[in-house]
C-alpha atoms as a PDB file:
ATOM      1  CA  UNK A   1       6.245  14.956   2.047  1.00  0.00           C
ATOM      2  CA  UNK A   2       6.126  17.950  -0.280  1.00  0.00           C
ATOM      3  CA  UNK A   3       9.630  19.323   0.365  1.00  0.00           C
ATOM      4  CA  UNK A   4      12.923  17.862   1.680  1.00  0.00           C
ATOM      5  CA  UNK A   5      13.071  19.491   5.118  1.00  0.00           C
ATOM      6  CA  UNK A   6       9.562  18.329   5.919  1.00  0.00           C
ATOM      7  CA  UNK A   7      10.625  14.839   4.895  1.00  0.00           C
ATOM      8  CA  UNK A   8      13.414  14.858   7.466  1.00  0.00           C
ATOM      9  CA  UNK A   9      11.046  15.857  10.271  1.00  0.00           C
ATOM     10  CA  UNK A  10       8.447  13.270   9.266  1.00  0.00           C
ATOM     11  CA  UNK A  11      11.033  10.498   9.038  1.00  0.00           C
ATOM     12  CA  UNK A  12      12.514  11.398  12.435  1.00  0.00           C
ATOM     13  CA  UNK A  13       9.065  11.349  14.033  1.00  0.00           C
ATOM     14  CA  UNK A  14       7.899   8.075  12.485  1.00  0.00           C
ATOM     15  CA  UNK A  15      11.195   6.289  13.098  1.00  0.00           C
ATOM     16  CA  UNK A  16      10.929   7.250  16.765  1.00  0.00           C
ATOM     17  CA  UNK A  17       7.342   6.132  17.382  1.00  0.00           C
ATOM     18  CA  UNK A  18       7.171   3.085  15.074  1.00  0.00           C
ATOM     19  CA  UNK A  19       9.199  -0.014  15.867  1.00  0.00           C
ATOM     20  CA  UNK A  20       8.853  -1.745  12.505  1.00  0.00           C
ATOM     21  CA  UNK A  21       9.200  -0.767   8.851  1.00  0.00           C
ATOM     22  CA  UNK A  22       7.606   2.370   7.435  1.00  0.00           C
ATOM     23  CA  UNK A  23       6.923   3.867   4.006  1.00  0.00           C
ATOM     24  CA  UNK A  24       8.426   7.049   2.648  1.00  0.00           C
ATOM     25  CA  UNK A  25       6.796   8.962  -0.198  1.00  0.00           C
ATOM     26  CA  UNK A  26       7.179  12.390  -1.764  1.00  0.00           C
ATOM     27  CA  UNK A  27       5.320  14.606  -4.198  1.00  0.00           C
ATOM     28  CA  UNK A  28       8.272  14.883  -6.611  1.00  0.00           C
ATOM     29  CA  UNK A  29      11.322  12.840  -7.557  1.00  0.00           C
ATOM     30  CA  UNK A  30      13.610  15.446  -5.975  1.00  0.00           C
ATOM     31  CA  UNK A  31      11.794  15.149  -2.657  1.00  0.00           C
ATOM     32  CA  UNK A  32      11.881  11.348  -2.779  1.00  0.00           C
ATOM     33  CA  UNK A  33      15.605  11.353  -3.585  1.00  0.00           C
ATOM     34  CA  UNK A  34      16.213  13.698  -0.661  1.00  0.00           C
ATOM     35  CA  UNK A  35      14.337  11.245   1.533  1.00  0.00           C
ATOM     36  CA  UNK A  36      16.500   8.384   0.260  1.00  0.00           C
ATOM     37  CA  UNK A  37      19.662  10.276   1.097  1.00  0.00           C
ATOM     38  CA  UNK A  38      18.364  11.146   4.555  1.00  0.00           C
ATOM     39  CA  UNK A  39      17.474   7.577   5.531  1.00  0.00           C
ATOM     40  CA  UNK A  40      20.927   6.476   4.353  1.00  0.00           C
ATOM     41  CA  UNK A  41      22.608   9.180   6.455  1.00  0.00           C
ATOM     42  CA  UNK A  42      20.553   8.271   9.525  1.00  0.00           C
ATOM     43  CA  UNK A  43      20.990   4.504   9.168  1.00  0.00           C
ATOM     44  CA  UNK A  44      17.307   3.818   8.536  1.00  0.00           C
ATOM     45  CA  UNK A  45      17.562   2.283   5.060  1.00  0.00           C
ATOM     46  CA  UNK A  46      16.746  -1.249   6.212  1.00  0.00           C
ATOM     47  CA  UNK A  47      13.517  -0.092   7.867  1.00  0.00           C
ATOM     48  CA  UNK A  48      12.222   1.907   4.922  1.00  0.00           C
ATOM     49  CA  UNK A  49       9.749   0.859   2.240  1.00  0.00           C
ATOM     50  CA  UNK A  50      10.143   3.144  -0.766  1.00  0.00           C
ATOM     51  CA  UNK A  51       6.771   4.292  -2.096  1.00  0.00           C
ATOM     52  CA  UNK A  52       6.946   3.966  -4.990  1.00  0.00           C
ATOM     53  CA  UNK A  53       8.614   2.751  -8.174  1.00  0.00           C
ATOM     54  CA  UNK A  54       6.265   3.672 -11.023  1.00  0.00           C
ATOM     55  CA  UNK A  55       6.546   3.328 -14.818  1.00  0.00           C
ATOM     56  CA  UNK A  56       7.576   7.022 -15.014  1.00  0.00           C
ATOM     57  CA  UNK A  57      10.542   6.720 -12.652  1.00  0.00           C
ATOM     58  CA  UNK A  58      13.820   8.093 -14.027  1.00  0.00           C
ATOM     59  CA  UNK A  59      17.309   6.616 -13.803  1.00  0.00           C
ATOM     60  CA  UNK A  60      18.573   9.239 -11.346  1.00  0.00           C
ATOM     61  CA  UNK A  61      15.868   8.301  -8.856  1.00  0.00           C
ATOM     62  CA  UNK A  62      16.691   4.615  -9.244  1.00  0.00           C
ATOM     63  CA  UNK A  63      20.385   5.383  -8.657  1.00  0.00           C
ATOM     64  CA  UNK A  64      19.532   7.351  -5.516  1.00  0.00           C
ATOM     65  CA  UNK A  65      17.437   4.431  -4.299  1.00  0.00           C
ATOM     66  CA  UNK A  66      20.301   2.004  -4.891  1.00  0.00           C
ATOM     67  CA  UNK A  67      22.906   4.297  -3.334  1.00  0.00           C
ATOM     68  CA  UNK A  68      20.746   4.606  -0.214  1.00  0.00           C
ATOM     69  CA  UNK A  69      20.721   0.839   0.246  1.00  0.00           C
ATOM     70  CA  UNK A  70      16.930   0.677   0.484  1.00  0.00           C
ATOM     71  CA  UNK A  71      15.915  -2.950  -0.002  1.00  0.00           C
ATOM     72  CA  UNK A  72      12.111  -2.722   0.107  1.00  0.00           C
ATOM     73  CA  UNK A  73       9.797  -0.879  -2.282  1.00  0.00           C
ATOM     74  CA  UNK A  74       6.245  -0.594  -3.533  1.00  0.00           C
ATOM     75  CA  UNK A  75       5.827  -1.095  -7.278  1.00  0.00           C
ATOM     76  CA  UNK A  76       2.942   1.016  -8.589  1.00  0.00           C
ATOM     77  CA  UNK A  77       1.135  -0.566 -11.550  1.00  0.00           C
ATOM     78  CA  UNK A  78      -0.089   2.766 -12.893  1.00  0.00           C
ATOM     79  CA  UNK A  79      -0.421   2.490 -16.668  1.00  0.00           C
ATOM     80  CA  UNK A  80      -1.782   5.828 -17.895  1.00  0.00           C
ATOM     81  CA  UNK A  81      -1.901   4.570 -21.498  1.00  0.00           C
ATOM     82  CA  UNK A  82      -4.072   1.633 -20.525  1.00  0.00           C
ATOM     83  CA  UNK A  83      -5.671   2.143 -17.098  1.00  0.00           C
ATOM     84  CA  UNK A  84      -7.752  -1.023 -17.385  1.00  0.00           C
ATOM     85  CA  UNK A  85      -7.062  -4.305 -15.622  1.00  0.00           C
ATOM     86  CA  UNK A  86      -5.055  -5.575 -18.593  1.00  0.00           C
ATOM     87  CA  UNK A  87      -2.814  -2.500 -18.533  1.00  0.00           C
ATOM     88  CA  UNK A  88      -1.467  -3.341 -15.098  1.00  0.00           C
ATOM     89  CA  UNK A  89       0.107  -6.495 -16.470  1.00  0.00           C
ATOM     90  CA  UNK A  90       1.735  -4.528 -19.286  1.00  0.00           C
ATOM     91  CA  UNK A  91       3.991  -2.679 -16.829  1.00  0.00           C
ATOM     92  CA  UNK A  92       4.707  -5.125 -14.019  1.00  0.00           C
ATOM     93  CA  UNK A  93       7.636  -6.970 -15.630  1.00  0.00           C
ATOM     94  CA  UNK A  94       9.449  -3.732 -16.431  1.00  0.00           C
ATOM     95  CA  UNK A  95       8.925  -2.489 -12.875  1.00  0.00           C
ATOM     96  CA  UNK A  96      10.319  -5.725 -11.500  1.00  0.00           C
ATOM     97  CA  UNK A  97      13.387  -5.297 -13.708  1.00  0.00           C
ATOM     98  CA  UNK A  98      13.885  -1.691 -12.583  1.00  0.00           C
ATOM     99  CA  UNK A  99      13.466  -2.530  -8.919  1.00  0.00           C
ATOM    100  CA  UNK A 100      15.969  -5.368  -9.169  1.00  0.00           C
ATOM    101  CA  UNK A 101      18.495  -3.087 -10.886  1.00  0.00           C
ATOM    102  CA  UNK A 102      18.035  -0.609  -8.017  1.00  0.00           C
ATOM    103  CA  UNK A 103      18.944  -3.283  -5.485  1.00  0.00           C
ATOM    104  CA  UNK A 104      15.413  -3.830  -4.191  1.00  0.00           C
ATOM    105  CA  UNK A 105      14.944  -7.289  -2.701  1.00  0.00           C
ATOM    106  CA  UNK A 106      11.519  -7.038  -1.048  1.00  0.00           C
ATOM    107  CA  UNK A 107       8.647  -6.073  -3.333  1.00  0.00           C
ATOM    108  CA  UNK A 108       5.080  -4.985  -2.588  1.00  0.00           C
ATOM    109  CA  UNK A 109       2.759  -4.583  -5.574  1.00  0.00           C
ATOM    110  CA  UNK A 110       0.297  -1.662  -5.544  1.00  0.00           C
ATOM    111  CA  UNK A 111      -2.290  -2.375  -8.235  1.00  0.00           C
ATOM    112  CA  UNK A 112      -3.028   1.355  -8.565  1.00  0.00           C
ATOM    113  CA  UNK A 113      -6.354   3.137  -8.154  1.00  0.00           C
ATOM    114  CA  UNK A 114      -7.008   5.443 -11.117  1.00  0.00           C
ATOM    115  CA  UNK A 115     -10.746   6.227 -10.970  1.00  0.00           C
ATOM    116  CA  UNK A 116     -13.885   6.073  -8.824  1.00  0.00           C
ATOM    117  CA  UNK A 117     -14.887   2.499  -9.655  1.00  0.00           C
ATOM    118  CA  UNK A 118     -11.373   1.078  -9.632  1.00  0.00           C
ATOM    119  CA  UNK A 119     -11.648  -0.821  -6.320  1.00  0.00           C
ATOM    120  CA  UNK A 120     -13.414  -3.526  -8.361  1.00  0.00           C
ATOM    121  CA  UNK A 121     -10.829  -4.275 -11.084  1.00  0.00           C
ATOM    122  CA  UNK A 122      -7.926  -3.253  -8.857  1.00  0.00           C
ATOM    123  CA  UNK A 123      -8.993  -5.860  -6.284  1.00  0.00           C
ATOM    124  CA  UNK A 124      -9.205  -8.458  -9.035  1.00  0.00           C
ATOM    125  CA  UNK A 125      -5.691  -7.432 -10.096  1.00  0.00           C
ATOM    126  CA  UNK A 126      -4.465  -8.095  -6.548  1.00  0.00           C
ATOM    127  CA  UNK A 127      -5.722 -11.661  -6.791  1.00  0.00           C
ATOM    128  CA  UNK A 128      -4.197 -12.164 -10.245  1.00  0.00           C
ATOM    129  CA  UNK A 129      -0.826 -10.639  -9.319  1.00  0.00           C
ATOM    130  CA  UNK A 130      -0.531 -12.928  -6.318  1.00  0.00           C
ATOM    131  CA  UNK A 131      -1.612 -15.931  -8.371  1.00  0.00           C
ATOM    132  CA  UNK A 132       0.880 -15.289 -11.204  1.00  0.00           C
ATOM    133  CA  UNK A 133       3.853 -13.675  -9.452  1.00  0.00           C
ATOM    134  CA  UNK A 134       3.493 -14.619  -5.799  1.00  0.00           C
ATOM    135  CA  UNK A 135       4.358 -11.153  -4.495  1.00  0.00           C
ATOM    136  CA  UNK A 136       2.403  -9.441  -1.696  1.00  0.00           C
ATOM    137  CA  UNK A 137      -0.139  -7.088  -3.247  1.00  0.00           C
ATOM    138  CA  UNK A 138      -2.524  -4.359  -2.139  1.00  0.00           C
ATOM    139  CA  UNK A 139      -3.642  -0.858  -3.056  1.00  0.00           C
ATOM    140  CA  UNK A 140      -4.617   2.597  -1.874  1.00  0.00           C
ATOM    141  CA  UNK A 141      -8.355   2.108  -2.310  1.00  0.00           C
ATOM    142  CA  UNK A 142      -9.179   5.299  -0.401  1.00  0.00           C
ATOM    143  CA  UNK A 143      -8.028   7.214  -3.495  1.00  0.00           C
ATOM    144  CA  UNK A 144     -11.212   6.158  -5.284  1.00  0.00           C
ATOM    145  CA  UNK A 145     -13.319   7.975  -2.696  1.00  0.00           C
ATOM    146  CA  UNK A 146     -11.011  10.998  -2.782  1.00  0.00           C
ATOM    147  CA  UNK A 147     -11.441  11.211  -6.568  1.00  0.00           C
ATOM    148  CA  UNK A 148     -15.226  10.946  -6.188  1.00  0.00           C
ATOM    149  CA  UNK A 149     -15.234  13.593  -3.461  1.00  0.00           C
ATOM    150  CA  UNK A 150     -13.350  16.015  -5.704  1.00  0.00           C
ATOM    151  CA  UNK A 151     -15.915  15.581  -8.477  1.00  0.00           C
ATOM    152  CA  UNK A 152     -19.050  15.900  -6.388  1.00  0.00           C
ATOM    153  CA  UNK A 153     -20.099  16.649  -2.826  1.00  0.00           C
ATOM    154  CA  UNK A 154     -20.583  13.476  -0.802  1.00  0.00           C
ATOM    155  CA  UNK A 155     -22.847  13.247   2.211  1.00  0.00           C
ATOM    156  CA  UNK A 156     -21.036  12.219   5.418  1.00  0.00           C
ATOM    157  CA  UNK A 157     -22.753   8.825   5.433  1.00  0.00           C
ATOM    158  CA  UNK A 158     -21.828   8.087   1.811  1.00  0.00           C
ATOM    159  CA  UNK A 159     -18.248   9.184   2.360  1.00  0.00           C
ATOM    160  CA  UNK A 160     -17.984   6.973   5.443  1.00  0.00           C
ATOM    161  CA  UNK A 161     -19.609   3.882   3.938  1.00  0.00           C
ATOM    162  CA  UNK A 162     -17.769   4.382   0.647  1.00  0.00           C
ATOM    163  CA  UNK A 163     -14.423   4.527   2.421  1.00  0.00           C
ATOM    164  CA  UNK A 164     -15.216   1.354   4.336  1.00  0.00           C
ATOM    165  CA  UNK A 165     -16.353  -0.533   1.238  1.00  0.00           C
ATOM    166  CA  UNK A 166     -13.472   0.642  -0.938  1.00  0.00           C
ATOM    167  CA  UNK A 167     -11.005  -0.710   1.615  1.00  0.00           C
ATOM    168  CA  UNK A 168     -12.959  -3.893   2.293  1.00  0.00           C
ATOM    169  CA  UNK A 169     -13.210  -5.204  -1.277  1.00  0.00           C
ATOM    170  CA  UNK A 170      -9.412  -5.588  -1.716  1.00  0.00           C
ATOM    171  CA  UNK A 171      -9.217  -7.484   1.583  1.00  0.00           C
ATOM    172  CA  UNK A 172     -11.884  -9.910   0.423  1.00  0.00           C
ATOM    173  CA  UNK A 173      -9.834 -10.470  -2.745  1.00  0.00           C
ATOM    174  CA  UNK A 174      -6.728 -11.269  -0.722  1.00  0.00           C
ATOM    175  CA  UNK A 175      -4.914  -7.951  -0.270  1.00  0.00           C
ATOM    176  CA  UNK A 176      -1.831  -8.230   1.914  1.00  0.00           C
ATOM    177  CA  UNK A 177      -1.746  -4.522   2.728  1.00  0.00           C
ATOM    178  CA  UNK A 178      -3.869  -1.383   2.456  1.00  0.00           C
ATOM    179  CA  UNK A 179      -2.774   2.208   2.007  1.00  0.00           C
ATOM    180  CA  UNK A 180      -5.818   3.643   3.737  1.00  0.00           C
ATOM    181  CA  UNK A 181      -5.032   7.359   3.640  1.00  0.00           C
ATOM    182  CA  UNK A 182      -4.763   9.821   6.540  1.00  0.00           C
ATOM    183  CA  UNK A 183      -3.918   8.356   9.936  1.00  0.00           C
ATOM    184  CA  UNK A 184      -7.281   9.512  11.307  1.00  0.00           C
ATOM    185  CA  UNK A 185      -8.922   6.851   9.106  1.00  0.00           C
ATOM    186  CA  UNK A 186      -7.298   4.089  11.154  1.00  0.00           C
ATOM    187  CA  UNK A 187     -10.140   3.721  13.659  1.00  0.00           C
ATOM    188  CA  UNK A 188     -12.609   3.307  10.775  1.00  0.00           C
ATOM    189  CA  UNK A 189     -10.548   0.840   8.779  1.00  0.00           C
ATOM    190  CA  UNK A 190      -8.852  -1.394  11.354  1.00  0.00           C
ATOM    191  CA  UNK A 191     -12.009  -3.028  12.819  1.00  0.00           C
ATOM    192  CA  UNK A 192     -13.495  -3.744   9.383  1.00  0.00           C
ATOM    193  CA  UNK A 193     -10.291  -5.249   8.022  1.00  0.00           C
ATOM    194  CA  UNK A 194      -9.713  -7.269  11.188  1.00  0.00           C
ATOM    195  CA  UNK A 195     -13.259  -8.635  11.141  1.00  0.00           C
ATOM    196  CA  UNK A 196     -13.035  -9.514   7.430  1.00  0.00           C
ATOM    197  CA  UNK A 197      -9.839 -11.444   8.109  1.00  0.00           C
ATOM    198  CA  UNK A 198     -11.469 -13.196  11.056  1.00  0.00           C
ATOM    199  CA  UNK A 199     -14.366 -14.272   8.809  1.00  0.00           C
ATOM    200  CA  UNK A 200     -11.923 -15.619   6.218  1.00  0.00           C
ATOM    201  CA  UNK A 201      -9.887 -17.438   8.861  1.00  0.00           C
ATOM    202  CA  UNK A 202     -12.980 -19.107  10.296  1.00  0.00           C
ATOM    203  CA  UNK A 203     -13.970 -20.259   6.825  1.00  0.00           C
ATOM    204  CA  UNK A 204     -10.499 -21.717   6.171  1.00  0.00           C
ATOM    205  CA  UNK A 205     -10.533 -23.475   9.520  1.00  0.00           C
ATOM    206  CA  UNK A 206     -13.887 -25.115   8.792  1.00  0.00           C
ATOM    207  CA  UNK A 207     -13.144 -26.031   5.180  1.00  0.00           C
ATOM    208  CA  UNK A 208      -9.459 -27.003   5.257  1.00  0.00           C
ATOM    209  CA  UNK A 209      -8.616 -27.336   8.934  1.00  0.00           C
ATOM    210  CA  UNK A 210      -6.135 -24.451   8.767  1.00  0.00           C
ATOM    211  CA  UNK A 211      -5.929 -22.790  12.173  1.00  0.00           C
ATOM    212  CA  UNK A 212      -5.100 -19.054  12.279  1.00  0.00           C
ATOM    213  CA  UNK A 213      -1.806 -17.835  13.727  1.00  0.00           C
ATOM    214  CA  UNK A 214      -1.847 -17.009  17.431  1.00  0.00           C
ATOM    215  CA  UNK A 215      -1.889 -13.241  16.832  1.00  0.00           C
ATOM    216  CA  UNK A 216      -4.670 -13.364  14.221  1.00  0.00           C
ATOM    217  CA  UNK A 217      -7.745 -11.111  14.636  1.00  0.00           C
ATOM    218  CA  UNK A 218      -9.764 -14.335  14.850  1.00  0.00           C
ATOM    219  CA  UNK A 219      -8.677 -14.607  18.496  1.00  0.00           C
ATOM    220  CA  UNK A 220      -9.048 -10.916  19.295  1.00  0.00           C
ATOM    221  CA  UNK A 221     -12.704 -10.086  18.719  1.00  0.00           C
ATOM    222  CA  UNK A 222     -12.947  -8.412  22.125  1.00  0.00           C
ATOM    223  CA  UNK A 223     -10.094  -6.057  21.227  1.00  0.00           C
ATOM    224  CA  UNK A 224     -11.681  -5.316  17.862  1.00  0.00           C
ATOM    225  CA  UNK A 225     -14.932  -4.437  19.625  1.00  0.00           C
ATOM    226  CA  UNK A 226     -13.296  -1.655  21.645  1.00  0.00           C
ATOM    227  CA  UNK A 227     -11.415   0.169  18.866  1.00  0.00           C
ATOM    228  CA  UNK A 228     -12.447   3.827  18.758  1.00  0.00           C
END
């Protein structure tokens, strides 16, 4: 949301139509803090995932997060001084400390898209974060295509295939979640991600005898085929 009143309307709508957890995000700290206060007042704190705690976050925003009783948050590994793969690991420990001080118990790590080609190293970072820290990790890979689109005009086919590929690479590297952009992208992204997970599950079953969970896409190829 870009201003507090809009935040309230968005939160009311999403909380009504979504049964599970949902993310809240705002363009400024003031907007995000207003969102934190609103979810506390409406009793939604336990359902909210705060998006996000970044290296630039200030103490007043952390206090608002703690006061709201929000227990889940995305940690954004955006290191503007060192945007390379190595830079992400320069900020993660401090973000974990800040999130803990704010009362956050459930952490998602966003390995932070910064440029057009970042889905490569950012996907590698997802693998490394999970290997070293054990936290769920993912990213907003669609941002890479948005950055590219702002720099040059993309043909419809390139924009479509680029969006698919940018979101697929993190999944192949083990992403636990994707921030895929506008809701209208869902029909493009869901089948690809589901099929990629089905491929991985079939491989694991053959190699290690690990059967997928009952609700896994592996068992739902017919449903995947009809997504529009």
